[in-house]
Amino acid sequence: MSENQHPDHGGQEGRNNPYAQHAQAAAVRAKAAAQDALGAARRLITNPAGTIGDAHASLGGERLLGVAIVFAVVAALCIALASTRTMGMLMYAMGMGGTGVGAFFKAMLNALIGIVAVGGGVLIMAPLLGGRANPASALFIAATAVLPMAIASVLAWLVGMLLQNQLGGILAMLLMLYGFSYLIMVLNAGLRQVCGVNESRAALGTPTVLAIAMLVMWLWGQLMR
């Protein structure tokens, strides 16, 4: 075999390598999910509670799950960043040093479990309230609901870091209040618009879903001790 044939031979080997093919397919799916998530975010950004049903309807099957995963990961990253940075500043102020990479990944894992727990609550409660849900839809509702609060937590951390005074503390608390309010509104809207739960039952289902998620997080905390 001549030297000129080596590059093509190597490329042929790469094409015949199942691991390379799987990696390439995964990269294509990840890119498509990111693009779908960006499109859904544009639809949701101005009025997430009012448009979650339309955003859900515009996606389907694997696309819906991909967007839900992207939203969940972004939300978990924001929560982990805000919580570990805030804790690190407190520890540094007390002369105990900062937090490390391990604490960041632990916080991110906890946030992901919390989002999945909210989705599990939706999956449990929607049929009991006369609606319908599947795992992809439930995770989409959960991640979309948590994302505004996660973004608010990062903004609150930045405000608290830039304005280290009473005003900064007040603004940070207001941001978290808005974030938590959006969590409740979007979760309620998801139960109504996506799961088909009527308004009165969704009003009961919203805090029940959060209670289920809190119970799951408490059990997770007990296991991790």
C-alpha atoms as a PDB file:
ATOM      1  CA  MET A   1       0.000   0.000   0.000  1.00  0.00           C
ATOM      2  CA  SER A   2       1.393   3.408  -0.951  1.00  0.00           C
ATOM      3  CA  GLU A   3       1.791   6.313   1.437  1.00  0.00           C
ATOM      4  CA  ASN A   4      -0.972   8.216  -0.342  1.00  0.00           C
ATOM      5  CA  GLN A   5      -3.450   5.554   0.696  1.00  0.00           C
ATOM      6  CA  HIS A   6      -2.773   5.837   4.428  1.00  0.00           C
ATOM      7  CA  PRO A   7      -4.936   8.892   5.159  1.00  0.00           C
ATOM      8  CA  ASP A   8      -7.951   7.359   3.410  1.00  0.00           C
ATOM      9  CA  HIS A   9      -7.336   4.066   5.165  1.00  0.00           C
ATOM     10  CA  GLY A  10      -7.291   5.870   8.513  1.00  0.00           C
ATOM     11  CA  GLY A  11     -10.495   7.671   7.651  1.00  0.00           C
ATOM     12  CA  GLN A  12     -12.092   4.364   6.676  1.00  0.00           C
ATOM     13  CA  GLU A  13     -11.073   2.910  10.030  1.00  0.00           C
ATOM     14  CA  GLY A  14     -12.637   5.900  11.793  1.00  0.00           C
ATOM     15  CA  ARG A  15     -15.867   5.417   9.853  1.00  0.00           C
ATOM     16  CA  ASN A  16     -15.916   1.729  10.761  1.00  0.00           C
ATOM     17  CA  ASN A  17     -15.180   2.389  14.434  1.00  0.00           C
ATOM     18  CA  PRO A  18     -18.490   1.920  16.330  1.00  0.00           C
ATOM     19  CA  TYR A  19     -17.296   4.071  19.242  1.00  0.00           C
ATOM     20  CA  ALA A  20     -16.511   6.963  16.905  1.00  0.00           C
ATOM     21  CA  GLN A  21     -19.883   6.564  15.215  1.00  0.00           C
ATOM     22  CA  HIS A  22     -21.720   6.593  18.551  1.00  0.00           C
ATOM     23  CA  ALA A  23     -19.753   9.654  19.676  1.00  0.00           C
ATOM     24  CA  GLN A  24     -20.548  11.467  16.435  1.00  0.00           C
ATOM     25  CA  ALA A  25     -24.241  10.580  16.711  1.00  0.00           C
ATOM     26  CA  ALA A  26     -24.304  11.778  20.328  1.00  0.00           C
ATOM     27  CA  ALA A  27     -22.672  15.064  19.301  1.00  0.00           C
ATOM     28  CA  VAL A  28     -25.282  15.565  16.572  1.00  0.00           C
ATOM     29  CA  ARG A  29     -28.119  14.877  19.025  1.00  0.00           C
ATOM     30  CA  ALA A  30     -26.604  17.232  21.607  1.00  0.00           C
ATOM     31  CA  LYS A  31     -26.294  20.011  19.011  1.00  0.00           C
ATOM     32  CA  ALA A  32     -29.887  19.485  17.898  1.00  0.00           C
ATOM     33  CA  ALA A  33     -31.106  19.521  21.522  1.00  0.00           C
ATOM     34  CA  ALA A  34     -29.207  22.758  22.188  1.00  0.00           C
ATOM     35  CA  GLN A  35     -30.745  24.380  19.101  1.00  0.00           C
ATOM     36  CA  ASP A  36     -34.234  23.217  20.111  1.00  0.00           C
ATOM     37  CA  ALA A  37     -33.655  24.503  23.646  1.00  0.00           C
ATOM     38  CA  LEU A  38     -32.610  27.897  22.290  1.00  0.00           C
ATOM     39  CA  GLY A  39     -35.748  28.062  20.176  1.00  0.00           C
ATOM     40  CA  ALA A  40     -37.936  27.076  23.131  1.00  0.00           C
ATOM     41  CA  ALA A  41     -36.172  29.624  25.345  1.00  0.00           C
ATOM     42  CA  ARG A  42     -36.942  32.402  22.836  1.00  0.00           C
ATOM     43  CA  ARG A  43     -40.598  31.406  23.002  1.00  0.00           C
ATOM     44  CA  LEU A  44     -40.620  31.224  26.815  1.00  0.00           C
ATOM     45  CA  ILE A  45     -38.389  34.130  27.793  1.00  0.00           C
ATOM     46  CA  THR A  46     -40.993  36.911  27.865  1.00  0.00           C
ATOM     47  CA  ASN A  47     -43.873  34.924  29.368  1.00  0.00           C
ATOM     48  CA  PRO A  48     -42.933  31.402  30.514  1.00  0.00           C
ATOM     49  CA  ALA A  49     -46.191  30.813  32.385  1.00  0.00           C
ATOM     50  CA  GLY A  50     -48.287  31.849  29.396  1.00  0.00           C
ATOM     51  CA  THR A  51     -46.361  30.042  26.670  1.00  0.00           C
ATOM     52  CA  ILE A  52     -45.217  26.761  28.239  1.00  0.00           C
ATOM     53  CA  GLY A  53     -48.103  24.950  26.537  1.00  0.00           C
ATOM     54  CA  ASP A  54     -47.187  26.328  23.103  1.00  0.00           C
ATOM     55  CA  ALA A  55     -43.502  25.561  23.654  1.00  0.00           C
ATOM     56  CA  HIS A  56     -44.382  21.992  24.652  1.00  0.00           C
ATOM     57  CA  ALA A  57     -46.650  21.549  21.623  1.00  0.00           C
ATOM     58  CA  SER A  58     -43.899  22.743  19.271  1.00  0.00           C
ATOM     59  CA  LEU A  59     -41.673  19.880  20.412  1.00  0.00           C
ATOM     60  CA  GLY A  60     -42.249  16.163  20.435  1.00  0.00           C
ATOM     61  CA  GLY A  61     -40.731  12.866  21.431  1.00  0.00           C
ATOM     62  CA  GLU A  62     -36.946  12.919  21.518  1.00  0.00           C
ATOM     63  CA  ARG A  63     -36.810  16.683  20.871  1.00  0.00           C
ATOM     64  CA  LEU A  64     -38.917  17.381  23.962  1.00  0.00           C
ATOM     65  CA  LEU A  65     -36.712  15.202  26.150  1.00  0.00           C
ATOM     66  CA  GLY A  66     -33.579  16.819  24.731  1.00  0.00           C
ATOM     67  CA  VAL A  67     -34.825  20.325  25.530  1.00  0.00           C
ATOM     68  CA  ALA A  68     -35.894  19.219  29.011  1.00  0.00           C
ATOM     69  CA  ILE A  69     -32.418  17.829  29.687  1.00  0.00           C
ATOM     70  CA  VAL A  70     -30.719  21.010  28.425  1.00  0.00           C
ATOM     71  CA  PHE A  71     -32.958  23.198  30.601  1.00  0.00           C
ATOM     72  CA  ALA A  72     -32.346  20.939  33.619  1.00  0.00           C
ATOM     73  CA  VAL A  73     -28.559  21.012  33.175  1.00  0.00           C
ATOM     74  CA  VAL A  74     -28.489  24.810  32.718  1.00  0.00           C
ATOM     75  CA  ALA A  75     -30.678  25.286  35.798  1.00  0.00           C
ATOM     76  CA  ALA A  76     -28.509  22.934  37.857  1.00  0.00           C
ATOM     77  CA  LEU A  77     -25.351  24.760  36.729  1.00  0.00           C
ATOM     78  CA  CYS A  78     -26.829  28.114  37.768  1.00  0.00           C
ATOM     79  CA  ILE A  79     -27.941  26.813  41.162  1.00  0.00           C
ATOM     80  CA  ALA A  80     -24.595  25.122  41.795  1.00  0.00           C
ATOM     81  CA  LEU A  81     -22.660  28.235  40.772  1.00  0.00           C
ATOM     82  CA  ALA A  82     -24.721  30.545  42.972  1.00  0.00           C
ATOM     83  CA  SER A  83     -24.784  28.259  46.002  1.00  0.00           C
ATOM     84  CA  THR A  84     -21.101  27.301  45.982  1.00  0.00           C
ATOM     85  CA  ARG A  85     -19.908  30.863  45.272  1.00  0.00           C
ATOM     86  CA  THR A  86     -22.063  32.235  48.090  1.00  0.00           C
ATOM     87  CA  MET A  87     -20.942  29.520  50.492  1.00  0.00           C
ATOM     88  CA  GLY A  88     -17.341  30.052  49.427  1.00  0.00           C
ATOM     89  CA  MET A  89     -17.520  33.765  50.221  1.00  0.00           C
ATOM     90  CA  LEU A  90     -19.023  33.047  53.634  1.00  0.00           C
ATOM     91  CA  MET A  91     -16.343  30.474  54.437  1.00  0.00           C
ATOM     92  CA  TYR A  92     -13.606  32.805  53.227  1.00  0.00           C
ATOM     93  CA  ALA A  93     -14.985  35.610  55.412  1.00  0.00           C
ATOM     94  CA  MET A  94     -14.829  33.269  58.403  1.00  0.00           C
ATOM     95  CA  GLY A  95     -11.225  32.347  57.603  1.00  0.00           C
ATOM     96  CA  MET A  96     -12.093  28.780  56.596  1.00  0.00           C
ATOM     97  CA  GLY A  97     -11.034  28.942  52.953  1.00  0.00           C
ATOM     98  CA  GLY A  98     -13.301  28.546  49.948  1.00  0.00           C
ATOM     99  CA  THR A  99     -15.208  25.670  48.413  1.00  0.00           C
ATOM    100  CA  GLY A 100     -13.666  23.356  45.838  1.00  0.00           C
ATOM    101  CA  VAL A 101     -14.669  21.617  42.624  1.00  0.00           C
ATOM    102  CA  GLY A 102     -16.112  18.717  44.598  1.00  0.00           C
ATOM    103  CA  ALA A 103     -18.579  21.003  46.344  1.00  0.00           C
ATOM    104  CA  PHE A 104     -19.654  22.454  42.991  1.00  0.00           C
ATOM    105  CA  PHE A 105     -20.398  19.057  41.453  1.00  0.00           C
ATOM    106  CA  LYS A 106     -22.176  17.939  44.619  1.00  0.00           C
ATOM    107  CA  ALA A 107     -24.366  21.049  44.489  1.00  0.00           C
ATOM    108  CA  MET A 108     -25.070  20.433  40.803  1.00  0.00           C
ATOM    109  CA  LEU A 109     -26.016  16.811  41.470  1.00  0.00           C
ATOM    110  CA  ASN A 110     -28.343  17.901  44.272  1.00  0.00           C
ATOM    111  CA  ALA A 111     -29.951  20.469  41.974  1.00  0.00           C
ATOM    112  CA  LEU A 112     -30.465  17.891  39.214  1.00  0.00           C
ATOM    113  CA  ILE A 113     -32.057  15.489  41.672  1.00  0.00           C
ATOM    114  CA  GLY A 114     -34.318  18.292  42.872  1.00  0.00           C
ATOM    115  CA  ILE A 115     -35.450  19.024  39.305  1.00  0.00           C
ATOM    116  CA  VAL A 116     -36.060  15.331  38.618  1.00  0.00           C
ATOM    117  CA  ALA A 117     -37.990  15.146  41.899  1.00  0.00           C
ATOM    118  CA  VAL A 118     -40.258  17.984  40.757  1.00  0.00           C
ATOM    119  CA  GLY A 119     -40.779  16.110  37.485  1.00  0.00           C
ATOM    120  CA  GLY A 120     -41.590  12.975  39.446  1.00  0.00           C
ATOM    121  CA  GLY A 121     -44.157  14.929  41.428  1.00  0.00           C
ATOM    122  CA  VAL A 122     -45.777  16.087  38.180  1.00  0.00           C
ATOM    123  CA  LEU A 123     -45.761  12.520  36.855  1.00  0.00           C
ATOM    124  CA  ILE A 124     -47.482  11.269  40.019  1.00  0.00           C
ATOM    125  CA  MET A 125     -49.988  14.063  40.529  1.00  0.00           C
ATOM    126  CA  ALA A 126     -51.165  14.783  36.967  1.00  0.00           C
ATOM    127  CA  PRO A 127     -53.127  11.502  36.538  1.00  0.00           C
ATOM    128  CA  LEU A 128     -54.501  11.769  40.081  1.00  0.00           C
ATOM    129  CA  LEU A 129     -55.824  15.241  39.255  1.00  0.00           C
ATOM    130  CA  GLY A 130     -57.518  14.121  36.047  1.00  0.00           C
ATOM    131  CA  GLY A 131     -54.697  15.048  33.681  1.00  0.00           C
ATOM    132  CA  ARG A 132     -51.981  13.184  31.812  1.00  0.00           C
ATOM    133  CA  ALA A 133     -48.200  13.202  31.812  1.00  0.00           C
ATOM    134  CA  ASN A 134     -45.246  11.242  30.504  1.00  0.00           C
ATOM    135  CA  PRO A 135     -41.636  11.373  31.734  1.00  0.00           C
ATOM    136  CA  ALA A 136     -40.452  13.771  29.007  1.00  0.00           C
ATOM    137  CA  SER A 137     -43.343  16.200  29.556  1.00  0.00           C
ATOM    138  CA  ALA A 138     -42.956  16.024  33.341  1.00  0.00           C
ATOM    139  CA  LEU A 139     -39.224  16.773  33.153  1.00  0.00           C
ATOM    140  CA  PHE A 140     -39.869  19.602  30.690  1.00  0.00           C
ATOM    141  CA  ILE A 141     -42.367  21.212  33.077  1.00  0.00           C
ATOM    142  CA  ALA A 142     -40.016  20.787  36.041  1.00  0.00           C
ATOM    143  CA  ALA A 143     -36.938  22.152  34.281  1.00  0.00           C
ATOM    144  CA  THR A 144     -38.849  25.072  32.751  1.00  0.00           C
ATOM    145  CA  ALA A 145     -40.287  25.956  36.163  1.00  0.00           C
ATOM    146  CA  VAL A 146     -36.966  25.756  38.020  1.00  0.00           C
ATOM    147  CA  LEU A 147     -34.936  27.618  35.375  1.00  0.00           C
ATOM    148  CA  PRO A 148     -36.194  31.156  36.234  1.00  0.00           C
ATOM    149  CA  MET A 149     -35.398  30.594  39.909  1.00  0.00           C
ATOM    150  CA  ALA A 150     -31.966  29.246  38.974  1.00  0.00           C
ATOM    151  CA  ILE A 151     -31.213  32.320  36.858  1.00  0.00           C
ATOM    152  CA  ALA A 152     -32.503  34.548  39.660  1.00  0.00           C
ATOM    153  CA  SER A 153     -30.130  32.837  42.099  1.00  0.00           C
ATOM    154  CA  VAL A 154     -27.133  33.691  39.893  1.00  0.00           C
ATOM    155  CA  LEU A 155     -28.314  37.294  39.526  1.00  0.00           C
ATOM    156  CA  ALA A 156     -28.856  37.506  43.292  1.00  0.00           C
ATOM    157  CA  TRP A 157     -25.321  36.241  43.896  1.00  0.00           C
ATOM    158  CA  LEU A 158     -23.890  38.802  41.446  1.00  0.00           C
ATOM    159  CA  VAL A 159     -25.867  41.644  43.034  1.00  0.00           C
ATOM    160  CA  GLY A 160     -24.811  40.551  46.503  1.00  0.00           C
ATOM    161  CA  MET A 161     -21.186  40.401  45.394  1.00  0.00           C
ATOM    162  CA  LEU A 162     -21.224  43.814  43.679  1.00  0.00           C
ATOM    163  CA  LEU A 163     -23.295  45.606  46.331  1.00  0.00           C
ATOM    164  CA  GLN A 164     -22.033  44.297  49.634  1.00  0.00           C
ATOM    165  CA  ASN A 165     -24.442  46.370  51.691  1.00  0.00           C
ATOM    166  CA  GLN A 166     -28.047  46.408  52.853  1.00  0.00           C
ATOM    167  CA  LEU A 167     -29.323  47.484  49.432  1.00  0.00           C
ATOM    168  CA  GLY A 168     -27.547  44.549  47.815  1.00  0.00           C
ATOM    169  CA  GLY A 169     -29.123  42.167  50.301  1.00  0.00           C
ATOM    170  CA  ILE A 170     -32.600  43.570  49.663  1.00  0.00           C
ATOM    171  CA  LEU A 171     -32.193  43.362  45.880  1.00  0.00           C
ATOM    172  CA  ALA A 172     -30.887  39.792  46.150  1.00  0.00           C
ATOM    173  CA  MET A 173     -33.897  38.763  48.249  1.00  0.00           C
ATOM    174  CA  LEU A 174     -36.276  40.420  45.770  1.00  0.00           C
ATOM    175  CA  LEU A 175     -34.666  38.545  42.886  1.00  0.00           C
ATOM    176  CA  MET A 176     -35.095  35.244  44.723  1.00  0.00           C
ATOM    177  CA  LEU A 177     -38.711  36.163  45.513  1.00  0.00           C
ATOM    178  CA  TYR A 178     -39.398  36.748  41.820  1.00  0.00           C
ATOM    179  CA  GLY A 179     -37.582  33.540  40.904  1.00  0.00           C
ATOM    180  CA  PHE A 180     -39.573  31.436  43.358  1.00  0.00           C
ATOM    181  CA  SER A 181     -42.816  33.111  42.255  1.00  0.00           C
ATOM    182  CA  TYR A 182     -42.087  32.197  38.644  1.00  0.00           C
ATOM    183  CA  LEU A 183     -41.335  28.622  39.704  1.00  0.00           C
ATOM    184  CA  ILE A 184     -44.831  28.348  41.193  1.00  0.00           C
ATOM    185  CA  MET A 185     -46.565  30.106  38.266  1.00  0.00           C
ATOM    186  CA  VAL A 186     -44.805  28.061  35.571  1.00  0.00           C
ATOM    187  CA  LEU A 187     -45.352  24.798  37.442  1.00  0.00           C
ATOM    188  CA  ASN A 188     -49.054  25.608  37.782  1.00  0.00           C
ATOM    189  CA  ALA A 189     -49.258  26.592  34.109  1.00  0.00           C
ATOM    190  CA  GLY A 190     -47.519  23.365  33.129  1.00  0.00           C
ATOM    191  CA  LEU A 191     -50.067  21.286  35.012  1.00  0.00           C
ATOM    192  CA  ARG A 192     -52.890  23.160  33.265  1.00  0.00           C
ATOM    193  CA  GLN A 193     -51.560  23.713  29.746  1.00  0.00           C
ATOM    194  CA  VAL A 194     -49.438  20.591  29.266  1.00  0.00           C
ATOM    195  CA  CYS A 195     -51.060  17.998  31.529  1.00  0.00           C
ATOM    196  CA  GLY A 196     -54.646  19.165  31.045  1.00  0.00           C
ATOM    197  CA  VAL A 197     -55.420  19.554  34.758  1.00  0.00           C
ATOM    198  CA  ASN A 198     -58.245  21.996  35.445  1.00  0.00           C
ATOM    199  CA  GLU A 199     -57.518  25.252  37.247  1.00  0.00           C
ATOM    200  CA  SER A 200     -58.915  24.373  40.668  1.00  0.00           C
ATOM    201  CA  ARG A 201     -57.116  21.031  40.811  1.00  0.00           C
ATOM    202  CA  ALA A 202     -53.879  22.567  39.522  1.00  0.00           C
ATOM    203  CA  ALA A 203     -54.020  25.032  42.422  1.00  0.00           C
ATOM    204  CA  LEU A 204     -53.942  22.049  44.778  1.00  0.00           C
ATOM    205  CA  GLY A 205     -51.479  20.086  42.691  1.00  0.00           C
ATOM    206  CA  THR A 206     -48.800  22.792  42.516  1.00  0.00           C
ATOM    207  CA  PRO A 207     -47.857  22.832  46.226  1.00  0.00           C
ATOM    208  CA  THR A 208     -48.333  19.049  46.387  1.00  0.00           C
ATOM    209  CA  VAL A 209     -45.756  18.545  43.627  1.00  0.00           C
ATOM    210  CA  LEU A 210     -43.314  20.780  45.510  1.00  0.00           C
ATOM    211  CA  ALA A 211     -44.031  18.872  48.731  1.00  0.00           C
ATOM    212  CA  ILE A 212     -43.202  15.587  46.971  1.00  0.00           C
ATOM    213  CA  ALA A 213     -39.962  17.100  45.661  1.00  0.00           C
ATOM    214  CA  MET A 214     -39.034  18.349  49.135  1.00  0.00           C
ATOM    215  CA  LEU A 215     -39.672  14.873  50.573  1.00  0.00           C
ATOM    216  CA  VAL A 216     -37.457  13.297  47.910  1.00  0.00           C
ATOM    217  CA  MET A 217     -34.700  15.822  48.621  1.00  0.00           C
ATOM    218  CA  TRP A 218     -34.955  15.131  52.356  1.00  0.00           C
ATOM    219  CA  LEU A 219     -34.642  11.383  51.720  1.00  0.00           C
ATOM    220  CA  TRP A 220     -31.684  12.037  49.411  1.00  0.00           C
ATOM    221  CA  GLY A 221     -30.030  14.103  52.122  1.00  0.00           C
ATOM    222  CA  GLN A 222     -30.505  11.282  54.620  1.00  0.00           C
ATOM    223  CA  LEU A 223     -28.919   8.790  52.216  1.00  0.00           C
ATOM    224  CA  MET A 224     -25.927  11.058  51.618  1.00  0.00           C
ATOM    225  CA  ARG A 225     -25.091  11.453  55.317  1.00  0.00           C
END
